[in-house]
């Protein structure tokens, strides 16, 4: 969800920058100036979009790493509890064997 919102904001910012570049190009007096302003605005917009995408990717990778760490911690806790349950079952089995042996005598 955060990734989608971040990417939407990056897209909106890129479109806004591209629109500013087009506006500056429209205000220029000569065709050469128009081409230069449009190219510069597009390049700036592309660079900003790439930087935003890199930031969003890094944030998503960080969130994925955090989630994986959390899952690993939960798995470790579950393994510990399973070990405790197995130990308790072994103790109960031993107690039941002892009771059967005592009943036989």
N, C-alpha and C. Protein backbone atom coordinates (compact mmCIF):
# COMPACT_ATOMS: atom_id res chain seq x y z
N UNK A 1 0.83 -1.19 0.00
CA UNK A 1 0.00 0.00 0.00
C UNK A 1 0.88 1.25 0.00
N UNK A 2 1.90 1.27 0.89
CA UNK A 2 2.80 2.42 0.94
C UNK A 2 3.54 2.59 -0.37
N UNK A 3 3.91 1.46 -0.97
CA UNK A 3 4.65 1.50 -2.23
C UNK A 3 3.79 2.14 -3.32
N UNK A 4 2.51 1.79 -3.36
CA UNK A 4 1.60 2.34 -4.36
C UNK A 4 1.44 3.84 -4.17
N UNK A 5 1.29 4.26 -2.94
CA UNK A 5 1.15 5.69 -2.65
C UNK A 5 2.42 6.43 -3.04
N UNK A 6 3.56 5.86 -2.68
CA UNK A 6 4.84 6.51 -3.00
C UNK A 6 5.02 6.64 -4.51
N UNK A 7 4.73 5.57 -5.22
CA UNK A 7 4.87 5.61 -6.67
C UNK A 7 3.88 6.60 -7.30
N UNK A 8 2.69 6.71 -6.73
CA UNK A 8 1.71 7.69 -7.23
C UNK A 8 2.23 9.11 -7.03
N UNK A 9 2.83 9.36 -5.87
CA UNK A 9 3.39 10.69 -5.62
C UNK A 9 4.55 11.00 -6.57
N UNK A 10 5.38 10.00 -6.83
CA UNK A 10 6.48 10.19 -7.78
C UNK A 10 5.94 10.50 -9.16
N UNK A 11 4.92 9.77 -9.58
CA UNK A 11 4.32 10.01 -10.89
C UNK A 11 3.72 11.42 -10.96
N UNK A 12 2.99 11.82 -9.91
CA UNK A 12 2.39 13.16 -9.90
C UNK A 12 3.46 14.24 -9.96
N UNK A 13 4.55 14.05 -9.20
CA UNK A 13 5.64 15.03 -9.22
C UNK A 13 6.28 15.09 -10.60
N UNK A 14 6.47 13.94 -11.21
CA UNK A 14 7.08 13.90 -12.54
C UNK A 14 6.21 14.61 -13.57
N UNK A 15 4.91 14.35 -13.50
CA UNK A 15 4.00 15.02 -14.43
C UNK A 15 3.98 16.53 -14.20
N UNK A 16 4.03 16.93 -12.93
CA UNK A 16 4.07 18.36 -12.63
C UNK A 16 5.33 19.01 -13.17
N UNK A 17 6.46 18.32 -12.99
CA UNK A 17 7.72 18.86 -13.51
C UNK A 17 7.71 18.90 -15.04
N UNK A 18 7.15 17.90 -15.64
CA UNK A 18 7.06 17.88 -17.10
C UNK A 18 6.17 19.02 -17.59
N UNK A 19 5.08 19.27 -16.85
CA UNK A 19 4.20 20.37 -17.23
C UNK A 19 4.90 21.72 -17.09
N UNK A 20 5.70 21.87 -16.05
CA UNK A 20 6.46 23.12 -15.88
C UNK A 20 7.45 23.30 -17.02
N UNK A 21 8.10 22.20 -17.41
CA UNK A 21 9.04 22.27 -18.52
C UNK A 21 8.35 22.67 -19.81
N UNK A 22 7.14 22.15 -20.04
CA UNK A 22 6.39 22.51 -21.25
C UNK A 22 5.97 23.98 -21.20
N UNK A 23 5.58 24.46 -20.02
CA UNK A 23 5.16 25.85 -19.88
C UNK A 23 6.33 26.79 -20.19
N UNK A 24 7.51 26.48 -19.66
CA UNK A 24 8.68 27.30 -19.95
C UNK A 24 9.01 27.27 -21.44
N UNK A 25 8.82 26.11 -22.04
CA UNK A 25 9.11 25.99 -23.47
C UNK A 25 8.13 26.84 -24.29
N UNK A 26 6.88 26.87 -23.88
CA UNK A 26 5.88 27.66 -24.60
C UNK A 26 6.16 29.16 -24.48
N UNK A 27 6.77 29.57 -23.38
CA UNK A 27 7.06 30.99 -23.16
C UNK A 27 8.31 31.44 -23.91
N UNK A 28 9.12 30.55 -24.39
CA UNK A 28 10.37 30.91 -25.07
C UNK A 28 10.06 31.60 -26.41
N UNK A 29 10.99 32.46 -26.85
CA UNK A 29 10.74 33.26 -28.05
C UNK A 29 11.12 32.56 -29.34
N UNK A 30 12.17 31.74 -29.34
CA UNK A 30 12.65 31.14 -30.58
C UNK A 30 12.44 29.63 -30.57
N UNK A 31 12.39 29.01 -31.75
CA UNK A 31 12.26 27.55 -31.80
C UNK A 31 13.43 26.84 -31.12
N UNK A 32 14.64 27.41 -31.22
CA UNK A 32 15.79 26.80 -30.55
C UNK A 32 15.61 26.83 -29.04
N UNK A 33 15.14 27.96 -28.52
CA UNK A 33 14.92 28.09 -27.09
C UNK A 33 13.81 27.15 -26.64
N UNK A 34 12.78 27.02 -27.49
CA UNK A 34 11.68 26.11 -27.16
C UNK A 34 12.19 24.68 -27.06
N UNK A 35 13.00 24.27 -28.01
CA UNK A 35 13.54 22.91 -28.00
C UNK A 35 14.43 22.69 -26.79
N UNK A 36 15.27 23.67 -26.50
CA UNK A 36 16.18 23.56 -25.36
C UNK A 36 15.42 23.48 -24.04
N UNK A 37 14.41 24.35 -23.87
CA UNK A 37 13.64 24.35 -22.63
C UNK A 37 12.86 23.05 -22.47
N UNK A 38 12.27 22.56 -23.55
CA UNK A 38 11.51 21.31 -23.48
C UNK A 38 12.43 20.14 -23.15
N UNK A 39 13.59 20.11 -23.79
CA UNK A 39 14.55 19.03 -23.53
C UNK A 39 15.05 19.09 -22.10
N UNK A 40 15.35 20.29 -21.62
CA UNK A 40 15.83 20.46 -20.26
C UNK A 40 14.76 20.05 -19.25
N UNK A 41 13.52 20.48 -19.50
CA UNK A 41 12.42 20.12 -18.60
C UNK A 41 12.18 18.63 -18.59
N UNK A 42 12.23 18.01 -19.75
CA UNK A 42 12.04 16.56 -19.83
C UNK A 42 13.16 15.82 -19.13
N UNK A 43 14.39 16.30 -19.31
CA UNK A 43 15.54 15.65 -18.66
C UNK A 43 15.43 15.79 -17.15
N UNK A 44 15.07 16.99 -16.68
CA UNK A 44 14.90 17.19 -15.24
C UNK A 44 13.79 16.30 -14.70
N UNK A 45 12.69 16.23 -15.41
CA UNK A 45 11.57 15.39 -14.98
C UNK A 45 11.97 13.92 -14.94
N UNK A 46 12.70 13.48 -15.94
CA UNK A 46 13.14 12.08 -15.98
C UNK A 46 14.10 11.78 -14.83
N UNK A 47 15.01 12.72 -14.55
CA UNK A 47 15.95 12.50 -13.45
C UNK A 47 15.23 12.47 -12.11
N UNK A 48 14.28 13.38 -11.93
CA UNK A 48 13.51 13.39 -10.69
C UNK A 48 12.69 12.11 -10.55
N UNK A 49 12.10 11.65 -11.64
CA UNK A 49 11.32 10.42 -11.60
C UNK A 49 12.21 9.23 -11.27
N UNK A 50 13.41 9.18 -11.86
CA UNK A 50 14.34 8.08 -11.58
C UNK A 50 14.78 8.10 -10.12
N UNK A 51 15.05 9.29 -9.59
CA UNK A 51 15.45 9.40 -8.19
C UNK A 51 14.31 8.97 -7.28
N UNK A 52 13.10 9.40 -7.62
CA UNK A 52 11.93 8.99 -6.83
C UNK A 52 11.71 7.50 -6.89
N UNK A 53 11.88 6.91 -8.05
CA UNK A 53 11.71 5.46 -8.20
C UNK A 53 12.77 4.72 -7.40
N UNK A 54 14.00 5.24 -7.41
CA UNK A 54 15.06 4.61 -6.62
C UNK A 54 14.75 4.68 -5.13
N UNK A 55 14.27 5.84 -4.68
CA UNK A 55 13.90 5.98 -3.28
C UNK A 55 12.76 5.03 -2.92
N UNK A 56 11.77 4.94 -3.79
CA UNK A 56 10.63 4.06 -3.52
C UNK A 56 11.09 2.60 -3.49
N UNK A 57 12.00 2.23 -4.39
CA UNK A 57 12.52 0.87 -4.41
C UNK A 57 13.29 0.57 -3.13
N UNK A 58 14.11 1.51 -2.70
CA UNK A 58 14.88 1.31 -1.47
C UNK A 58 13.96 1.18 -0.27
N UNK A 59 12.92 2.02 -0.23
CA UNK A 59 11.97 1.94 0.89
C UNK A 59 11.23 0.61 0.88
N UNK A 60 10.82 0.16 -0.30
CA UNK A 60 10.13 -1.12 -0.41
C UNK A 60 11.05 -2.27 0.00
N UNK A 61 12.32 -2.20 -0.39
CA UNK A 61 13.28 -3.24 -0.01
C UNK A 61 13.47 -3.26 1.51
N UNK A 62 13.52 -2.08 2.10
CA UNK A 62 13.66 -2.00 3.56
C UNK A 62 12.46 -2.60 4.27
N UNK A 63 11.27 -2.29 3.75
CA UNK A 63 10.05 -2.84 4.35
C UNK A 63 10.00 -4.35 4.18
N UNK A 64 10.43 -4.85 3.03
CA UNK A 64 10.45 -6.30 2.80
C UNK A 64 11.44 -6.98 3.75
N UNK A 65 12.59 -6.35 3.95
CA UNK A 65 13.59 -6.91 4.87
C UNK A 65 13.05 -6.95 6.29
N UNK A 66 12.36 -5.87 6.69
CA UNK A 66 11.77 -5.83 8.02
C UNK A 66 10.72 -6.93 8.19
N UNK A 67 9.89 -7.11 7.15
CA UNK A 67 8.86 -8.14 7.20
C UNK A 67 9.49 -9.53 7.27
N UNK A 68 10.56 -9.75 6.51
CA UNK A 68 11.24 -11.05 6.54
C UNK A 68 11.86 -11.31 7.90
N UNK A 69 12.44 -10.28 8.49
CA UNK A 69 13.02 -10.42 9.82
C UNK A 69 11.95 -10.77 10.84
N UNK A 70 10.82 -10.08 10.75
CA UNK A 70 9.70 -10.37 11.65
C UNK A 70 9.20 -11.80 11.49
N UNK A 71 9.10 -12.25 10.25
CA UNK A 71 8.64 -13.61 9.99
C UNK A 71 9.64 -14.63 10.53
N UNK A 72 10.92 -14.35 10.37
CA UNK A 72 11.95 -15.26 10.89
C UNK A 72 11.88 -15.33 12.42
N UNK A 73 11.66 -14.19 13.05
CA UNK A 73 11.53 -14.17 14.51
C UNK A 73 10.33 -15.00 14.96
N UNK A 74 9.21 -14.84 14.26
CA UNK A 74 8.00 -15.61 14.60
C UNK A 74 8.24 -17.10 14.40
N UNK A 75 8.94 -17.46 13.33
CA UNK A 75 9.23 -18.88 13.07
C UNK A 75 10.13 -19.45 14.17
N UNK A 76 11.09 -18.66 14.62
CA UNK A 76 11.96 -19.10 15.71
C UNK A 76 11.18 -19.32 16.99
N UNK A 77 10.26 -18.40 17.29
CA UNK A 77 9.42 -18.54 18.48
C UNK A 77 8.54 -19.79 18.39
N UNK A 78 8.00 -20.03 17.21
CA UNK A 78 7.15 -21.20 17.01
C UNK A 78 7.96 -22.49 17.17
N UNK A 79 9.19 -22.49 16.67
CA UNK A 79 10.05 -23.66 16.83
C UNK A 79 10.38 -23.92 18.30
N UNK A 80 10.63 -22.85 19.03
CA UNK A 80 10.89 -22.99 20.47
C UNK A 80 9.69 -23.59 21.19
N UNK A 81 8.50 -23.09 20.87
CA UNK A 81 7.28 -23.60 21.50
C UNK A 81 7.03 -25.06 21.11
N UNK A 82 7.32 -25.41 19.87
CA UNK A 82 7.15 -26.80 19.44
C UNK A 82 8.12 -27.71 20.19
N UNK A 83 9.34 -27.24 20.41
CA UNK A 83 10.31 -28.01 21.18
C UNK A 83 9.85 -28.22 22.61
N UNK A 84 9.31 -27.16 23.22
CA UNK A 84 8.79 -27.27 24.58
C UNK A 84 7.62 -28.25 24.65
N UNK A 85 6.76 -28.20 23.65
CA UNK A 85 5.62 -29.12 23.62
C UNK A 85 6.08 -30.56 23.45
N UNK A 86 7.08 -30.79 22.62
CA UNK A 86 7.62 -32.14 22.44
C UNK A 86 8.24 -32.65 23.74
N UNK A 87 8.94 -31.79 24.44
CA UNK A 87 9.54 -32.18 25.72
C UNK A 87 8.46 -32.54 26.73
N UNK A 88 7.41 -31.72 26.77
CA UNK A 88 6.31 -32.00 27.70
C UNK A 88 5.62 -33.31 27.33
N UNK A 89 5.45 -33.59 26.05
CA UNK A 89 4.83 -34.84 25.61
C UNK A 89 5.70 -36.03 26.00
N UNK A 90 7.01 -35.90 25.87
CA UNK A 90 7.93 -36.97 26.26
C UNK A 90 7.83 -37.24 27.76
N UNK A 91 7.77 -36.17 28.54
CA UNK A 91 7.65 -36.32 29.99
C UNK A 91 6.33 -36.99 30.36
N UNK A 92 5.25 -36.61 29.67
CA UNK A 92 3.95 -37.22 29.93
C UNK A 92 3.95 -38.70 29.57
N UNK A 93 4.61 -39.03 28.46
CA UNK A 93 4.71 -40.44 28.05
C UNK A 93 5.50 -41.24 29.08
N UNK A 94 6.59 -40.69 29.55
CA UNK A 94 7.38 -41.38 30.58
C UNK A 94 6.58 -41.58 31.85
N UNK A 95 5.82 -40.57 32.24
CA UNK A 95 4.98 -40.68 33.45
C UNK A 95 3.91 -41.75 33.25
N UNK A 96 3.33 -41.81 32.06
CA UNK A 96 2.31 -42.83 31.79
C UNK A 96 2.90 -44.22 31.81
N UNK A 97 4.10 -44.40 31.26
CA UNK A 97 4.79 -45.70 31.31
C UNK A 97 5.06 -46.12 32.75
N UNK A 98 5.50 -45.16 33.54
CA UNK A 98 5.77 -45.46 34.94
C UNK A 98 4.50 -45.87 35.66
N UNK A 99 3.40 -45.21 35.35
CA UNK A 99 2.12 -45.56 35.99
C UNK A 99 1.66 -46.95 35.56
N UNK A 100 1.83 -47.31 34.31
CA UNK A 100 1.46 -48.64 33.82
C UNK A 100 2.33 -49.69 34.51
N UNK A 101 3.64 -49.44 34.59
CA UNK A 101 4.54 -50.38 35.27
C UNK A 101 4.14 -50.56 36.72
N UNK A 102 3.79 -49.47 37.40
CA UNK A 102 3.38 -49.55 38.81
C UNK A 102 2.08 -50.31 38.96
N UNK A 103 1.18 -50.13 38.00
CA UNK A 103 -0.12 -50.84 38.05
C UNK A 103 0.08 -52.33 37.82
N UNK A 104 1.05 -52.72 37.01
CA UNK A 104 1.32 -54.13 36.75
C UNK A 104 1.87 -54.84 37.98
N UNK A 105 2.54 -54.12 38.85
CA UNK A 105 3.17 -54.73 40.02
C UNK A 105 2.16 -54.90 41.06
